[in-house]
Amino acid sequence: MLAQGQRLPVESFPTKGFSKFRSRYFLVKIAENHLASTRLAIIIGKVAAKLATERHAIKRQVLSRVSKCGARGKDVLIIAQGSLGEVGKKGLSEDIDKIITFITS
């Protein structure tokens, strides 16, 4: 669970002026927020994982790793693409590493 200051309301993410990165399983959008902290949001729909328990487990795994990356002053929106139900932990971990590299660069 993220602290209140680290949560990004999805509707407040800017519609223009952001950079994006597409990995195998995720689409990542990053915008500057002029704050001292990074705010995070993740969207995982039923297409990505049918069961709510799977969606929450994936969300917790992604957020726990990305929140510790050390980036400052950014809004990060992560959207799951495709089916994540059959993805192993190794494949998901490699994708998260690519996302962290993009966020910190």
C-alpha atoms as a PDB file:
ATOM      1  CA  MET A   1       0.000   0.000   0.000  1.00  0.00           C
ATOM      2  CA  LEU A   2       1.267   3.409  -0.923  1.00  0.00           C
ATOM      3  CA  ALA A   3       1.195   6.401   1.371  1.00  0.00           C
ATOM      4  CA  GLN A   4      -1.312   9.125   0.537  1.00  0.00           C
ATOM      5  CA  GLY A   5       1.388  11.428  -0.859  1.00  0.00           C
ATOM      6  CA  GLN A   6       2.655   8.747  -3.237  1.00  0.00           C
ATOM      7  CA  ARG A   7      -0.711   7.958  -4.834  1.00  0.00           C
ATOM      8  CA  LEU A   8      -1.498   9.449  -8.215  1.00  0.00           C
ATOM      9  CA  PRO A   9      -5.170  10.035  -9.026  1.00  0.00           C
ATOM     10  CA  VAL A  10      -5.422   8.613 -12.557  1.00  0.00           C
ATOM     11  CA  GLU A  11      -7.791  11.355 -13.723  1.00  0.00           C
ATOM     12  CA  SER A  12      -5.222  14.028 -12.780  1.00  0.00           C
ATOM     13  CA  PHE A  13      -2.526  12.607 -15.074  1.00  0.00           C
ATOM     14  CA  PRO A  14      -1.841  15.146 -17.872  1.00  0.00           C
ATOM     15  CA  THR A  15      -3.138  14.365 -21.358  1.00  0.00           C
ATOM     16  CA  LYS A  16      -0.162  16.037 -23.043  1.00  0.00           C
ATOM     17  CA  GLY A  17       3.502  16.574 -22.293  1.00  0.00           C
ATOM     18  CA  PHE A  18       4.444  13.125 -21.067  1.00  0.00           C
ATOM     19  CA  SER A  19       6.917  10.519 -22.254  1.00  0.00           C
ATOM     20  CA  LYS A  20       5.950   6.905 -22.688  1.00  0.00           C
ATOM     21  CA  PHE A  21       7.637   3.542 -22.804  1.00  0.00           C
ATOM     22  CA  ARG A  22       6.159   0.234 -23.906  1.00  0.00           C
ATOM     23  CA  SER A  23       7.615  -2.962 -22.506  1.00  0.00           C
ATOM     24  CA  ARG A  24       6.394  -6.468 -23.222  1.00  0.00           C
ATOM     25  CA  TYR A  25       3.610  -6.413 -20.624  1.00  0.00           C
ATOM     26  CA  PHE A  26       3.201  -2.750 -19.621  1.00  0.00           C
ATOM     27  CA  LEU A  27       2.745   0.750 -21.005  1.00  0.00           C
ATOM     28  CA  VAL A  28       4.427   3.377 -18.811  1.00  0.00           C
ATOM     29  CA  LYS A  29       3.684   7.112 -18.971  1.00  0.00           C
ATOM     30  CA  ILE A  30       5.814   9.640 -17.088  1.00  0.00           C
ATOM     31  CA  ALA A  31       5.212  13.358 -16.544  1.00  0.00           C
ATOM     32  CA  GLU A  32       6.919  15.957 -14.356  1.00  0.00           C
ATOM     33  CA  ASN A  33       4.877  16.961 -11.288  1.00  0.00           C
ATOM     34  CA  HIS A  34       6.899  19.796  -9.616  1.00  0.00           C
ATOM     35  CA  LEU A  35       6.692  18.026  -6.243  1.00  0.00           C
ATOM     36  CA  ALA A  36       9.430  16.586  -4.066  1.00  0.00           C
ATOM     37  CA  SER A  37       8.091  13.045  -4.366  1.00  0.00           C
ATOM     38  CA  THR A  38       7.127  10.633  -7.103  1.00  0.00           C
ATOM     39  CA  ARG A  39       3.456   9.697  -7.388  1.00  0.00           C
ATOM     40  CA  LEU A  40       2.499   6.268  -8.748  1.00  0.00           C
ATOM     41  CA  ALA A  41      -0.611   4.701 -10.262  1.00  0.00           C
ATOM     42  CA  ILE A  42      -1.111   1.302 -11.848  1.00  0.00           C
ATOM     43  CA  ILE A  43      -4.033   0.037 -13.915  1.00  0.00           C
ATOM     44  CA  ILE A  44      -4.544  -3.697 -14.323  1.00  0.00           C
ATOM     45  CA  GLY A  45      -7.790  -4.679 -16.036  1.00  0.00           C
ATOM     46  CA  LYS A  46      -9.603  -7.985 -16.268  1.00  0.00           C
ATOM     47  CA  VAL A  47      -7.985  -8.657 -19.629  1.00  0.00           C
ATOM     48  CA  ALA A  48      -4.600  -8.805 -17.906  1.00  0.00           C
ATOM     49  CA  ALA A  49      -5.719 -11.162 -15.099  1.00  0.00           C
ATOM     50  CA  LYS A  50      -9.186 -12.587 -14.584  1.00  0.00           C
ATOM     51  CA  LEU A  51      -9.107 -12.988 -10.807  1.00  0.00           C
ATOM     52  CA  ALA A  52      -8.964  -9.971  -8.513  1.00  0.00           C
ATOM     53  CA  THR A  53      -6.453 -11.759  -6.305  1.00  0.00           C
ATOM     54  CA  GLU A  54      -4.073 -12.091  -9.270  1.00  0.00           C
ATOM     55  CA  ARG A  55      -4.522  -8.427 -10.204  1.00  0.00           C
ATOM     56  CA  HIS A  56      -3.806  -7.278  -6.641  1.00  0.00           C
ATOM     57  CA  ALA A  57      -0.761  -9.552  -6.344  1.00  0.00           C
ATOM     58  CA  ILE A  58       0.707  -8.167  -9.580  1.00  0.00           C
ATOM     59  CA  LYS A  59      -0.095  -4.609  -8.488  1.00  0.00           C
ATOM     60  CA  ARG A  60       1.617  -5.085  -5.124  1.00  0.00           C
ATOM     61  CA  GLN A  61       4.686  -6.608  -6.770  1.00  0.00           C
ATOM     62  CA  VAL A  62       5.058  -3.807  -9.314  1.00  0.00           C
ATOM     63  CA  LEU A  63       4.394  -0.973  -6.858  1.00  0.00           C
ATOM     64  CA  SER A  64       6.765  -2.321  -4.214  1.00  0.00           C
ATOM     65  CA  ARG A  65       9.663  -2.440  -6.678  1.00  0.00           C
ATOM     66  CA  VAL A  66       8.919   0.808  -8.524  1.00  0.00           C
ATOM     67  CA  SER A  67       8.317   2.859  -5.361  1.00  0.00           C
ATOM     68  CA  LYS A  68      11.884   2.105  -4.209  1.00  0.00           C
ATOM     69  CA  CYS A  69      13.567   3.202  -7.478  1.00  0.00           C
ATOM     70  CA  GLY A  70      14.538   6.639  -6.125  1.00  0.00           C
ATOM     71  CA  ALA A  71      13.084   8.896  -8.839  1.00  0.00           C
ATOM     72  CA  ARG A  72      11.910  12.327  -7.639  1.00  0.00           C
ATOM     73  CA  GLY A  73       9.390  14.815  -9.019  1.00  0.00           C
ATOM     74  CA  LYS A  74       7.579  12.536 -11.449  1.00  0.00           C
ATOM     75  CA  ASP A  75       4.082  11.178 -12.002  1.00  0.00           C
ATOM     76  CA  VAL A  76       4.237   7.565 -13.157  1.00  0.00           C
ATOM     77  CA  LEU A  77       1.241   5.780 -14.674  1.00  0.00           C
ATOM     78  CA  ILE A  78       1.678   2.057 -15.395  1.00  0.00           C
ATOM     79  CA  ILE A  79      -0.937   0.275 -17.530  1.00  0.00           C
ATOM     80  CA  ALA A  80      -0.968  -3.511 -17.968  1.00  0.00           C
ATOM     81  CA  GLN A  81      -1.131  -4.668 -21.586  1.00  0.00           C
ATOM     82  CA  GLY A  82      -2.210  -8.154 -22.586  1.00  0.00           C
ATOM     83  CA  SER A  83      -2.542 -11.203 -20.410  1.00  0.00           C
ATOM     84  CA  LEU A  84      -0.425 -11.362 -17.260  1.00  0.00           C
ATOM     85  CA  GLY A  85      -2.067 -14.479 -15.822  1.00  0.00           C
ATOM     86  CA  GLU A  86       0.388 -16.888 -17.495  1.00  0.00           C
ATOM     87  CA  VAL A  87       3.496 -14.740 -16.997  1.00  0.00           C
ATOM     88  CA  GLY A  88       6.010 -16.168 -14.564  1.00  0.00           C
ATOM     89  CA  LYS A  89       7.716 -14.195 -11.838  1.00  0.00           C
ATOM     90  CA  LYS A  90      10.948 -14.108 -13.842  1.00  0.00           C
ATOM     91  CA  GLY A  91       9.303 -12.547 -16.908  1.00  0.00           C
ATOM     92  CA  LEU A  92       7.452 -10.018 -14.793  1.00  0.00           C
ATOM     93  CA  SER A  93      10.612  -9.174 -12.847  1.00  0.00           C
ATOM     94  CA  GLU A  94      12.573  -8.532 -16.064  1.00  0.00           C
ATOM     95  CA  ASP A  95       9.826  -6.219 -17.304  1.00  0.00           C
ATOM     96  CA  ILE A  96       9.769  -4.313 -13.998  1.00  0.00           C
ATOM     97  CA  ASP A  97      13.551  -3.854 -14.236  1.00  0.00           C
ATOM     98  CA  LYS A  98      13.095  -2.262 -17.693  1.00  0.00           C
ATOM     99  CA  ILE A  99      10.424   0.051 -16.271  1.00  0.00           C
ATOM    100  CA  ILE A 100      12.679   1.128 -13.388  1.00  0.00           C
ATOM    101  CA  THR A 101      15.507   1.857 -15.831  1.00  0.00           C
ATOM    102  CA  PHE A 102      13.169   4.057 -17.898  1.00  0.00           C
ATOM    103  CA  ILE A 103      11.857   5.919 -14.850  1.00  0.00           C
ATOM    104  CA  THR A 104      15.310   6.701 -13.439  1.00  0.00           C
ATOM    105  CA  SER A 105      16.797   7.829 -16.775  1.00  0.00           C
END
